[in-house]
């Protein structure tokens, strides 16, 4: 494993070079992480990521009969139509109605798909479970993991820079939405391991 990019990333964060004892300590930490498999990219979203997505998506528009009605996108006032835990797609339109079980099943399937797309995009870039969960939530909401600058920064080991990028994704329909501002802050907090998530 080429460790240069790790050392370069830490140098950028510290804004200085290393002392020899620091090089030895960082090398030892990398060795321990590799032995424990900590450098592996997760393939499934964890409970913290699922909770964050559920918190912001909500299982909205429950009717009096207990079924859930599709609703228009808050940014556009129309497509993409959404139902349940934020599900969208060609199978969802103004007349779509689902049961709670259908909402939950779709969430599970969508989470598996989005987690796979995030893992494929990240490749072998070291990613903690918290970072992965935050990136899956981001992708679930934006669909932008492959093109976002934050992904490039993450893959380069610039985790602080990646965390700052979440805030840029706060618009829908050309306007800033307070709900997106709050969600991006929660994702960034989860990504950095902050207790604010």
N, C-alpha and C. Protein backbone atom coordinates (compact mmCIF):
# COMPACT_ATOMS: atom_id res chain seq x y z
N UNK A 1 0.85 -1.19 0.00
CA UNK A 1 0.00 0.00 0.00
C UNK A 1 0.88 1.24 0.00
N UNK A 2 0.59 2.16 -0.90
CA UNK A 2 1.32 3.43 -0.96
C UNK A 2 0.77 4.35 0.12
N UNK A 3 1.57 4.69 1.09
CA UNK A 3 1.12 5.49 2.23
C UNK A 3 1.33 6.98 2.01
N UNK A 4 1.94 7.34 0.90
CA UNK A 4 2.29 8.74 0.67
C UNK A 4 1.06 9.65 0.75
N UNK A 5 -0.05 9.22 0.16
CA UNK A 5 -1.23 10.10 0.16
C UNK A 5 -1.76 10.29 1.57
N UNK A 6 -1.61 9.29 2.44
CA UNK A 6 -2.04 9.45 3.83
C UNK A 6 -1.17 10.49 4.53
N UNK A 7 0.15 10.33 4.37
CA UNK A 7 1.06 11.29 5.00
C UNK A 7 0.84 12.70 4.45
N UNK A 8 0.61 12.80 3.14
CA UNK A 8 0.35 14.11 2.54
C UNK A 8 -0.92 14.74 3.09
N UNK A 9 -1.96 13.92 3.27
CA UNK A 9 -3.22 14.44 3.81
C UNK A 9 -3.04 14.93 5.24
N UNK A 10 -2.32 14.16 6.05
CA UNK A 10 -2.09 14.58 7.43
C UNK A 10 -1.22 15.82 7.48
N UNK A 11 -0.22 15.91 6.61
CA UNK A 11 0.61 17.13 6.55
C UNK A 11 -0.25 18.36 6.25
N UNK A 12 -1.19 18.19 5.30
CA UNK A 12 -2.08 19.32 4.96
C UNK A 12 -2.91 19.72 6.16
N UNK A 13 -3.42 18.73 6.90
CA UNK A 13 -4.24 19.03 8.07
C UNK A 13 -3.42 19.72 9.16
N UNK A 14 -2.19 19.25 9.37
CA UNK A 14 -1.33 19.83 10.41
C UNK A 14 -0.67 21.13 9.96
N UNK A 15 -0.58 21.30 8.65
CA UNK A 15 0.08 22.46 8.05
C UNK A 15 1.56 22.53 8.44
N UNK A 16 2.17 21.34 8.50
CA UNK A 16 3.60 21.24 8.79
C UNK A 16 4.09 19.84 8.45
N UNK A 17 5.38 19.66 8.46
CA UNK A 17 5.98 18.35 8.25
C UNK A 17 5.93 17.51 9.52
N UNK A 18 6.50 16.31 9.45
CA UNK A 18 6.49 15.37 10.57
C UNK A 18 7.85 15.31 11.25
N UNK A 19 7.80 15.03 12.55
CA UNK A 19 9.00 14.61 13.26
C UNK A 19 9.13 13.10 13.05
N UNK A 20 10.33 12.57 13.24
CA UNK A 20 10.55 11.15 13.00
C UNK A 20 9.67 10.27 13.88
N UNK A 21 9.45 10.66 15.15
CA UNK A 21 8.60 9.86 16.03
C UNK A 21 7.15 9.87 15.55
N UNK A 22 6.72 10.95 14.92
CA UNK A 22 5.36 11.02 14.38
C UNK A 22 5.21 10.12 13.16
N UNK A 23 6.25 10.05 12.34
CA UNK A 23 6.22 9.15 11.18
C UNK A 23 6.08 7.71 11.66
N UNK A 24 6.85 7.35 12.67
CA UNK A 24 6.79 5.98 13.20
C UNK A 24 5.42 5.68 13.79
N UNK A 25 4.84 6.64 14.52
CA UNK A 25 3.52 6.43 15.13
C UNK A 25 2.43 6.30 14.06
N UNK A 26 2.49 7.13 13.03
CA UNK A 26 1.50 7.06 11.96
C UNK A 26 1.65 5.75 11.18
N UNK A 27 2.87 5.34 10.91
CA UNK A 27 3.10 4.05 10.24
C UNK A 27 2.51 2.90 11.06
N UNK A 28 2.72 2.92 12.37
CA UNK A 28 2.19 1.87 13.24
C UNK A 28 0.66 1.86 13.22
N UNK A 29 0.05 3.05 13.24
CA UNK A 29 -1.41 3.14 13.21
C UNK A 29 -1.96 2.60 11.89
N UNK A 30 -1.29 2.90 10.79
CA UNK A 30 -1.73 2.38 9.49
C UNK A 30 -1.62 0.86 9.48
N UNK A 31 -0.53 0.33 10.00
CA UNK A 31 -0.36 -1.12 10.07
C UNK A 31 -1.49 -1.77 10.87
N UNK A 32 -1.83 -1.19 12.04
CA UNK A 32 -2.91 -1.74 12.86
C UNK A 32 -4.24 -1.69 12.11
N UNK A 33 -4.49 -0.59 11.42
CA UNK A 33 -5.75 -0.45 10.69
C UNK A 33 -5.85 -1.49 9.57
N UNK A 34 -4.75 -1.70 8.87
CA UNK A 34 -4.76 -2.69 7.80
C UNK A 34 -4.95 -4.10 8.34
N UNK A 35 -4.34 -4.39 9.45
CA UNK A 35 -4.50 -5.72 10.05
C UNK A 35 -5.94 -5.94 10.50
N UNK A 36 -6.59 -4.89 10.97
CA UNK A 36 -7.97 -5.02 11.44
C UNK A 36 -8.97 -4.91 10.30
N UNK A 37 -8.50 -4.61 9.08
CA UNK A 37 -9.42 -4.45 7.96
C UNK A 37 -10.13 -3.12 7.97
N UNK A 38 -9.63 -2.16 8.77
CA UNK A 38 -10.31 -0.87 8.90
C UNK A 38 -10.25 -0.04 7.63
N UNK A 39 -9.36 -0.39 6.70
CA UNK A 39 -9.28 0.36 5.47
C UNK A 39 -10.32 -0.07 4.44
N UNK A 40 -11.08 -1.12 4.73
CA UNK A 40 -12.08 -1.59 3.79
C UNK A 40 -13.23 -0.60 3.69
N UNK A 41 -13.76 -0.46 2.48
CA UNK A 41 -14.93 0.38 2.29
C UNK A 41 -16.16 -0.44 2.68
N UNK A 42 -16.99 0.10 3.57
CA UNK A 42 -18.22 -0.64 3.90
C UNK A 42 -19.07 -0.82 2.65
N UNK A 43 -19.92 -1.84 2.64
CA UNK A 43 -20.82 -2.09 1.51
C UNK A 43 -22.27 -1.90 1.91
N UNK A 44 -22.53 -1.78 3.21
CA UNK A 44 -23.91 -1.59 3.67
C UNK A 44 -23.97 -0.41 4.63
N UNK A 45 -25.08 0.27 4.61
CA UNK A 45 -25.27 1.41 5.49
C UNK A 45 -25.57 0.90 6.90
N UNK A 46 -25.05 1.59 7.89
CA UNK A 46 -25.24 1.22 9.28
C UNK A 46 -26.46 1.88 9.89
N UNK A 47 -26.76 1.56 11.15
CA UNK A 47 -27.95 2.10 11.81
C UNK A 47 -27.95 3.62 11.93
N UNK A 48 -26.78 4.24 12.11
CA UNK A 48 -26.76 5.70 12.22
C UNK A 48 -27.16 6.35 10.89
N UNK A 49 -26.70 5.77 9.79
CA UNK A 49 -27.07 6.31 8.48
C UNK A 49 -28.53 6.11 8.18
N UNK A 50 -29.07 4.94 8.51
CA UNK A 50 -30.50 4.68 8.28
C UNK A 50 -31.33 5.66 9.11
N UNK A 51 -30.93 5.87 10.38
CA UNK A 51 -31.68 6.79 11.24
C UNK A 51 -31.65 8.21 10.69
N UNK A 52 -30.50 8.64 10.15
CA UNK A 52 -30.41 9.98 9.58
C UNK A 52 -31.34 10.11 8.38
N UNK A 53 -31.31 9.13 7.51
CA UNK A 53 -32.18 9.18 6.33
C UNK A 53 -33.65 9.19 6.75
N UNK A 54 -34.02 8.33 7.66
CA UNK A 54 -35.42 8.30 8.10
C UNK A 54 -35.83 9.60 8.76
N UNK A 55 -34.90 10.20 9.52
CA UNK A 55 -35.20 11.47 10.19
C UNK A 55 -35.55 12.57 9.18
N UNK A 56 -34.80 12.60 8.09
CA UNK A 56 -35.03 13.69 7.13
C UNK A 56 -36.04 13.35 6.05
N UNK A 57 -36.17 12.10 5.71
CA UNK A 57 -37.15 11.74 4.68
C UNK A 57 -38.55 11.63 5.27
N UNK A 58 -38.63 11.07 6.48
CA UNK A 58 -39.94 10.83 7.07
C UNK A 58 -40.73 9.87 6.19
N UNK A 59 -41.68 9.22 6.74
CA UNK A 59 -42.57 8.41 5.92
C UNK A 59 -43.84 9.26 5.82
N UNK A 60 -43.81 10.17 4.86
CA UNK A 60 -44.77 11.27 4.81
C UNK A 60 -46.06 10.93 4.05
N UNK A 61 -47.02 11.79 4.26
CA UNK A 61 -48.32 11.77 3.59
C UNK A 61 -49.14 10.52 3.90
N UNK A 62 -49.20 10.20 5.18
CA UNK A 62 -50.04 9.08 5.62
C UNK A 62 -51.49 9.54 5.60
N UNK A 63 -52.32 8.78 4.94
CA UNK A 63 -53.74 9.11 4.83
C UNK A 63 -54.49 8.56 6.05
N UNK A 64 -55.74 8.95 6.20
CA UNK A 64 -56.58 8.50 7.32
C UNK A 64 -56.76 6.98 7.31
N UNK A 65 -56.69 6.37 6.12
CA UNK A 65 -56.86 4.91 6.03
C UNK A 65 -55.56 4.15 6.29
N UNK A 66 -54.47 4.88 6.64
CA UNK A 66 -53.19 4.24 6.95
C UNK A 66 -52.28 4.04 5.76
N UNK A 67 -52.75 4.32 4.57
CA UNK A 67 -51.93 4.21 3.37
C UNK A 67 -51.15 5.51 3.15
N UNK A 68 -50.12 5.43 2.31
CA UNK A 68 -49.28 6.60 2.05
C UNK A 68 -49.47 7.05 0.61
N UNK A 69 -49.65 8.37 0.44
CA UNK A 69 -49.92 9.00 -0.85
C UNK A 69 -48.64 9.67 -1.37
N UNK A 70 -48.36 9.53 -2.65
CA UNK A 70 -47.22 10.20 -3.26
C UNK A 70 -47.44 11.71 -3.21
N UNK A 71 -46.32 12.45 -3.15
CA UNK A 71 -46.39 13.91 -3.08
C UNK A 71 -45.34 14.51 -4.02
N UNK A 72 -45.56 15.77 -4.46
CA UNK A 72 -44.62 16.39 -5.40
C UNK A 72 -43.32 16.81 -4.71
N UNK A 73 -42.28 16.93 -5.48
CA UNK A 73 -40.98 17.40 -4.99
C UNK A 73 -41.14 18.81 -4.42
N UNK A 74 -40.60 19.08 -3.22
CA UNK A 74 -40.77 20.41 -2.64
C UNK A 74 -40.07 21.51 -3.41
N UNK A 75 -39.01 21.16 -4.14
CA UNK A 75 -38.29 22.17 -4.91
C UNK A 75 -38.98 22.53 -6.21
N UNK A 76 -39.54 21.52 -6.89
CA UNK A 76 -40.14 21.76 -8.20
C UNK A 76 -41.66 21.89 -8.16
N UNK A 77 -42.27 21.36 -7.11
CA UNK A 77 -43.73 21.35 -7.05
C UNK A 77 -44.34 20.27 -7.94
N UNK A 78 -43.50 19.44 -8.53
CA UNK A 78 -43.96 18.37 -9.41
C UNK A 78 -42.98 17.20 -9.35
N UNK A 79 -42.54 16.78 -10.52
CA UNK A 79 -41.60 15.65 -10.59
C UNK A 79 -40.27 16.04 -9.97
N UNK A 80 -39.56 15.12 -9.35
CA UNK A 80 -39.95 13.74 -9.16
C UNK A 80 -40.95 13.57 -8.01
N UNK A 81 -41.97 12.78 -8.25
CA UNK A 81 -42.93 12.47 -7.20
C UNK A 81 -42.27 11.52 -6.20
N UNK A 82 -42.64 11.67 -4.96
CA UNK A 82 -42.00 10.95 -3.86
C UNK A 82 -43.05 10.26 -3.01
N UNK A 83 -42.67 9.11 -2.44
CA UNK A 83 -43.57 8.39 -1.55
C UNK A 83 -42.76 7.69 -0.47
N UNK A 84 -43.38 7.45 0.66
CA UNK A 84 -42.75 6.71 1.74
C UNK A 84 -41.52 7.41 2.27
N UNK A 85 -40.42 6.66 2.36
CA UNK A 85 -39.15 7.16 2.91
C UNK A 85 -38.33 7.86 1.83
N UNK A 86 -38.95 8.71 1.03
CA UNK A 86 -38.23 9.46 0.02
C UNK A 86 -38.02 8.72 -1.28
N UNK A 87 -38.81 7.69 -1.54
CA UNK A 87 -38.65 6.91 -2.77
C UNK A 87 -39.15 7.70 -3.97
N UNK A 88 -38.36 7.67 -5.04
CA UNK A 88 -38.74 8.29 -6.31
C UNK A 88 -38.47 7.28 -7.42
N UNK A 89 -38.99 7.55 -8.60
CA UNK A 89 -38.72 6.69 -9.74
C UNK A 89 -39.88 6.70 -10.71
N UNK A 90 -39.72 6.02 -11.84
CA UNK A 90 -40.75 6.01 -12.87
C UNK A 90 -42.03 5.31 -12.43
N UNK A 91 -41.96 4.51 -11.37
CA UNK A 91 -43.14 3.80 -10.87
C UNK A 91 -43.95 4.65 -9.88
N UNK A 92 -43.54 5.89 -9.65
CA UNK A 92 -44.21 6.74 -8.66
C UNK A 92 -44.71 8.01 -9.33
N UNK A 93 -45.99 8.29 -9.17
CA UNK A 93 -46.60 9.48 -9.75
C UNK A 93 -47.68 10.02 -8.84
N UNK A 94 -48.46 10.98 -9.31
CA UNK A 94 -49.46 11.64 -8.48
C UNK A 94 -50.49 10.69 -7.84
N UNK A 95 -50.79 9.58 -8.46
CA UNK A 95 -51.81 8.69 -7.92
C UNK A 95 -51.26 7.48 -7.16
N UNK A 96 -49.97 7.45 -6.92
CA UNK A 96 -49.37 6.28 -6.27
C UNK A 96 -49.74 6.24 -4.79
N UNK A 97 -50.16 5.05 -4.33
CA UNK A 97 -50.53 4.82 -2.93
C UNK A 97 -49.86 3.51 -2.50
N UNK A 98 -49.18 3.54 -1.34
CA UNK A 98 -48.51 2.35 -0.82
C UNK A 98 -48.91 2.08 0.61
N UNK A 99 -48.71 0.83 1.02
CA UNK A 99 -48.86 0.45 2.43
C UNK A 99 -47.54 0.76 3.16
N UNK A 100 -47.57 0.70 4.50
CA UNK A 100 -46.33 0.89 5.26
C UNK A 100 -45.31 -0.17 4.88
N UNK A 101 -45.76 -1.40 4.68
CA UNK A 101 -44.84 -2.48 4.31
C UNK A 101 -44.17 -2.19 2.97
N UNK A 102 -44.91 -1.65 2.01
CA UNK A 102 -44.32 -1.30 0.72
C UNK A 102 -43.28 -0.19 0.88
N UNK A 103 -43.59 0.79 1.72
CA UNK A 103 -42.64 1.89 1.98
C UNK A 103 -41.35 1.33 2.58
N UNK A 104 -41.47 0.46 3.56
CA UNK A 104 -40.31 -0.10 4.24
C UNK A 104 -39.50 -1.00 3.31
N UNK A 105 -40.17 -1.81 2.49
CA UNK A 105 -39.47 -2.68 1.54
C UNK A 105 -38.70 -1.86 0.51
N UNK A 106 -39.31 -0.79 0.04
CA UNK A 106 -38.64 0.06 -0.95
C UNK A 106 -37.43 0.75 -0.33
N UNK A 107 -37.57 1.19 0.93
CA UNK A 107 -36.43 1.81 1.60
C UNK A 107 -35.27 0.83 1.67
N UNK A 108 -35.53 -0.39 2.07
CA UNK A 108 -34.48 -1.40 2.18
C UNK A 108 -33.80 -1.64 0.83
N UNK A 109 -34.58 -1.76 -0.22
CA UNK A 109 -34.02 -1.98 -1.56
C UNK A 109 -33.23 -0.77 -2.03
N UNK A 110 -33.77 0.43 -1.80
CA UNK A 110 -33.07 1.64 -2.22
C UNK A 110 -31.77 1.83 -1.45
N UNK A 111 -31.79 1.54 -0.15
CA UNK A 111 -30.56 1.67 0.64
C UNK A 111 -29.47 0.73 0.14
N UNK A 112 -29.84 -0.48 -0.21
CA UNK A 112 -28.86 -1.44 -0.75
C UNK A 112 -28.29 -0.92 -2.07
N UNK A 113 -29.15 -0.39 -2.92
CA UNK A 113 -28.69 0.12 -4.22
C UNK A 113 -27.78 1.33 -4.04
N UNK A 114 -28.21 2.30 -3.22
CA UNK A 114 -27.40 3.50 -3.03
C UNK A 114 -26.08 3.18 -2.33
N UNK A 115 -26.10 2.29 -1.35
CA UNK A 115 -24.86 1.90 -0.67
C UNK A 115 -23.90 1.25 -1.66
N UNK A 116 -24.41 0.42 -2.55
CA UNK A 116 -23.57 -0.20 -3.57
C UNK A 116 -22.96 0.83 -4.50
N UNK A 117 -23.76 1.82 -4.89
CA UNK A 117 -23.24 2.87 -5.78
C UNK A 117 -22.16 3.69 -5.09
N UNK A 118 -22.36 3.99 -3.80
CA UNK A 118 -21.35 4.74 -3.06
C UNK A 118 -20.07 3.91 -2.95
N UNK A 119 -20.19 2.64 -2.58
CA UNK A 119 -19.01 1.78 -2.46
C UNK A 119 -18.27 1.67 -3.79
N UNK A 120 -19.00 1.51 -4.87
CA UNK A 120 -18.37 1.41 -6.19
C UNK A 120 -17.65 2.70 -6.56
N UNK A 121 -18.25 3.84 -6.23
CA UNK A 121 -17.65 5.14 -6.54
C UNK A 121 -16.39 5.37 -5.71
N UNK A 122 -16.42 4.97 -4.44
CA UNK A 122 -15.27 5.20 -3.56
C UNK A 122 -14.11 4.26 -3.89
N UNK A 123 -14.41 3.12 -4.47
CA UNK A 123 -13.34 2.17 -4.77
C UNK A 123 -12.64 1.75 -3.50
N UNK A 124 -11.31 1.82 -3.50
CA UNK A 124 -10.52 1.39 -2.36
C UNK A 124 -10.19 2.51 -1.39
N UNK A 125 -10.78 3.69 -1.57
CA UNK A 125 -10.48 4.81 -0.68
C UNK A 125 -10.87 4.47 0.75
N UNK A 126 -9.94 4.58 1.69
CA UNK A 126 -10.29 4.29 3.09
C UNK A 126 -11.47 5.14 3.54
N UNK A 127 -12.45 4.47 4.14
CA UNK A 127 -13.70 5.11 4.52
C UNK A 127 -14.20 4.49 5.82
N UNK A 128 -14.44 5.32 6.80
CA UNK A 128 -14.98 4.81 8.06
C UNK A 128 -16.47 4.51 7.89
N UNK A 129 -17.03 3.69 8.77
CA UNK A 129 -18.48 3.46 8.69
C UNK A 129 -19.30 4.75 8.80
N UNK A 130 -18.89 5.68 9.65
CA UNK A 130 -19.63 6.95 9.77
C UNK A 130 -19.55 7.76 8.48
N UNK A 131 -18.37 7.81 7.88
CA UNK A 131 -18.23 8.53 6.61
C UNK A 131 -19.11 7.88 5.54
N UNK A 132 -19.08 6.56 5.50
CA UNK A 132 -19.89 5.84 4.51
C UNK A 132 -21.37 6.14 4.70
N UNK A 133 -21.85 6.08 5.94
CA UNK A 133 -23.26 6.36 6.22
C UNK A 133 -23.64 7.76 5.76
N UNK A 134 -22.79 8.74 6.05
CA UNK A 134 -23.08 10.12 5.64
C UNK A 134 -23.11 10.24 4.13
N UNK A 135 -22.19 9.57 3.45
CA UNK A 135 -22.16 9.63 1.98
C UNK A 135 -23.36 8.93 1.36
N UNK A 136 -23.82 7.84 1.96
CA UNK A 136 -25.02 7.18 1.45
C UNK A 136 -26.23 8.09 1.63
N UNK A 137 -26.36 8.74 2.78
CA UNK A 137 -27.47 9.68 2.99
C UNK A 137 -27.43 10.79 1.95
N UNK A 138 -26.24 11.35 1.73
CA UNK A 138 -26.07 12.40 0.72
C UNK A 138 -26.51 11.91 -0.65
N UNK A 139 -26.04 10.73 -1.03
CA UNK A 139 -26.37 10.18 -2.35
C UNK A 139 -27.86 9.83 -2.44
N UNK A 140 -28.42 9.31 -1.38
CA UNK A 140 -29.85 8.97 -1.35
C UNK A 140 -30.69 10.21 -1.67
N UNK A 141 -30.26 11.35 -1.15
CA UNK A 141 -31.01 12.59 -1.33
C UNK A 141 -30.68 13.31 -2.63
N UNK A 142 -29.43 13.22 -3.09
CA UNK A 142 -29.01 14.01 -4.26
C UNK A 142 -28.78 13.18 -5.52
N UNK A 143 -28.41 11.91 -5.35
CA UNK A 143 -28.03 11.08 -6.49
C UNK A 143 -26.72 11.52 -7.12
N UNK A 144 -25.91 12.29 -6.38
CA UNK A 144 -24.74 12.96 -6.97
C UNK A 144 -23.39 12.42 -6.53
N UNK A 145 -23.33 11.24 -5.95
CA UNK A 145 -22.05 10.77 -5.40
C UNK A 145 -20.95 10.71 -6.45
N UNK A 146 -21.27 10.36 -7.68
CA UNK A 146 -20.23 10.20 -8.71
C UNK A 146 -19.70 11.53 -9.22
N UNK A 147 -20.45 12.61 -9.08
CA UNK A 147 -20.01 13.88 -9.66
C UNK A 147 -19.69 14.96 -8.63
N UNK A 148 -19.95 14.69 -7.36
CA UNK A 148 -19.76 15.71 -6.33
C UNK A 148 -18.28 15.92 -6.02
N UNK A 149 -17.90 17.18 -5.86
CA UNK A 149 -16.54 17.53 -5.46
C UNK A 149 -16.19 16.88 -4.13
N UNK A 150 -17.18 16.75 -3.24
CA UNK A 150 -16.89 16.15 -1.93
C UNK A 150 -16.39 14.72 -2.08
N UNK A 151 -16.85 14.00 -3.08
CA UNK A 151 -16.38 12.64 -3.30
C UNK A 151 -14.91 12.63 -3.69
N UNK A 152 -14.54 13.52 -4.58
CA UNK A 152 -13.14 13.63 -4.98
C UNK A 152 -12.24 13.98 -3.82
N UNK A 153 -12.72 14.88 -2.98
CA UNK A 153 -11.92 15.26 -1.80
C UNK A 153 -11.79 14.08 -0.84
N UNK A 154 -12.87 13.35 -0.65
CA UNK A 154 -12.82 12.19 0.22
C UNK A 154 -11.81 11.17 -0.32
N UNK A 155 -11.90 10.88 -1.59
CA UNK A 155 -11.01 9.88 -2.19
C UNK A 155 -9.55 10.32 -2.12
N UNK A 156 -9.30 11.63 -2.09
CA UNK A 156 -7.94 12.15 -1.98
C UNK A 156 -7.46 12.21 -0.54
N UNK A 157 -8.33 11.84 0.39
CA UNK A 157 -7.94 11.88 1.80
C UNK A 157 -8.12 13.23 2.45
N UNK A 158 -8.75 14.17 1.75
CA UNK A 158 -9.01 15.50 2.31
C UNK A 158 -10.38 15.47 3.01
N UNK A 159 -10.42 14.83 4.16
CA UNK A 159 -11.69 14.63 4.85
C UNK A 159 -12.29 15.93 5.36
N UNK A 160 -11.46 16.85 5.81
CA UNK A 160 -11.97 18.14 6.28
C UNK A 160 -12.59 18.91 5.11
N UNK A 161 -11.92 18.88 3.96
CA UNK A 161 -12.46 19.54 2.78
C UNK A 161 -13.75 18.90 2.31
N UNK A 162 -13.80 17.56 2.35
CA UNK A 162 -15.03 16.85 1.97
C UNK A 162 -16.17 17.23 2.90
N UNK A 163 -15.91 17.30 4.18
CA UNK A 163 -16.96 17.65 5.15
C UNK A 163 -17.53 19.04 4.86
N UNK A 164 -16.67 19.98 4.46
CA UNK A 164 -17.15 21.33 4.14
C UNK A 164 -18.02 21.35 2.89
N UNK A 165 -17.81 20.40 1.98
CA UNK A 165 -18.55 20.36 0.71
C UNK A 165 -20.03 20.02 0.89
N UNK A 166 -20.38 19.31 1.95
CA UNK A 166 -21.80 18.95 2.15
C UNK A 166 -22.69 20.20 2.08
N UNK A 167 -22.25 21.27 2.72
CA UNK A 167 -23.07 22.49 2.82
C UNK A 167 -23.41 23.10 1.46
N UNK A 168 -22.62 22.81 0.44
CA UNK A 168 -22.89 23.38 -0.89
C UNK A 168 -24.14 22.80 -1.53
N UNK A 169 -24.61 21.66 -1.05
CA UNK A 169 -25.75 20.96 -1.65
C UNK A 169 -27.03 21.28 -0.88
N UNK A 170 -27.39 22.56 -0.86
CA UNK A 170 -28.53 23.01 -0.05
C UNK A 170 -29.67 23.59 -0.88
N UNK A 171 -29.66 23.35 -2.19
CA UNK A 171 -30.66 23.95 -3.07
C UNK A 171 -31.52 22.91 -3.76
N UNK A 172 -32.74 23.30 -4.02
CA UNK A 172 -33.65 22.52 -4.87
C UNK A 172 -34.50 23.53 -5.62
N UNK A 173 -34.70 23.28 -6.89
CA UNK A 173 -35.47 24.23 -7.69
C UNK A 173 -34.84 25.61 -7.74
N UNK A 174 -33.51 25.68 -7.58
CA UNK A 174 -32.79 26.95 -7.66
C UNK A 174 -32.82 27.79 -6.40
N UNK A 175 -33.40 27.29 -5.32
CA UNK A 175 -33.43 28.08 -4.09
C UNK A 175 -32.95 27.26 -2.91
N UNK A 176 -32.40 27.96 -1.94
CA UNK A 176 -31.93 27.31 -0.72
C UNK A 176 -33.14 26.85 0.09
N UNK A 177 -33.12 25.58 0.49
CA UNK A 177 -34.20 25.05 1.33
C UNK A 177 -33.67 24.82 2.74
N UNK A 178 -34.32 25.39 3.74
CA UNK A 178 -33.85 25.22 5.13
C UNK A 178 -33.69 23.76 5.52
N UNK A 179 -34.58 22.89 5.06
CA UNK A 179 -34.47 21.47 5.39
C UNK A 179 -33.19 20.85 4.84
N UNK A 180 -32.77 21.29 3.65
CA UNK A 180 -31.52 20.78 3.09
C UNK A 180 -30.30 21.33 3.82
N UNK A 181 -30.39 22.57 4.28
CA UNK A 181 -29.29 23.14 5.07
C UNK A 181 -29.08 22.31 6.34
N UNK A 182 -30.18 21.97 7.00
CA UNK A 182 -30.11 21.19 8.24
C UNK A 182 -29.63 19.77 7.94
N UNK A 183 -30.14 19.16 6.89
CA UNK A 183 -29.72 17.79 6.54
C UNK A 183 -28.24 17.74 6.22
N UNK A 184 -27.75 18.67 5.40
CA UNK A 184 -26.33 18.66 5.04
C UNK A 184 -25.45 18.85 6.28
N UNK A 185 -25.89 19.68 7.22
CA UNK A 185 -25.12 19.86 8.47
C UNK A 185 -25.09 18.55 9.26
N UNK A 186 -26.20 17.84 9.29
CA UNK A 186 -26.25 16.56 10.01
C UNK A 186 -25.36 15.52 9.32
N UNK A 187 -25.38 15.50 7.99
CA UNK A 187 -24.52 14.56 7.26
C UNK A 187 -23.05 14.87 7.50
N UNK A 188 -22.69 16.16 7.46
CA UNK A 188 -21.30 16.54 7.71
C UNK A 188 -20.88 16.17 9.13
N UNK A 189 -21.78 16.34 10.09
CA UNK A 189 -21.47 15.98 11.47
C UNK A 189 -21.26 14.48 11.60
N UNK A 190 -22.11 13.69 10.95
CA UNK A 190 -21.94 12.23 10.98
C UNK A 190 -20.62 11.85 10.31
N UNK A 191 -20.32 12.48 9.19
CA UNK A 191 -19.11 12.20 8.42
C UNK A 191 -17.86 12.43 9.27
N UNK A 192 -17.87 13.51 10.06
CA UNK A 192 -16.69 13.86 10.86
C UNK A 192 -16.69 13.20 12.23
N UNK A 193 -17.79 12.50 12.55
CA UNK A 193 -17.85 11.86 13.86
C UNK A 193 -18.25 12.81 14.97
N UNK A 194 -18.81 13.96 14.60
CA UNK A 194 -19.25 14.94 15.59
C UNK A 194 -20.50 14.45 16.30
N UNK A 195 -20.66 14.76 17.57
CA UNK A 195 -21.88 14.35 18.29
C UNK A 195 -23.12 15.12 17.87
N UNK A 196 -22.98 16.08 16.95
CA UNK A 196 -24.13 16.88 16.51
C UNK A 196 -25.03 16.12 15.55
N UNK A 197 -24.56 15.02 14.97
CA UNK A 197 -25.37 14.26 14.02
C UNK A 197 -26.54 13.70 14.73
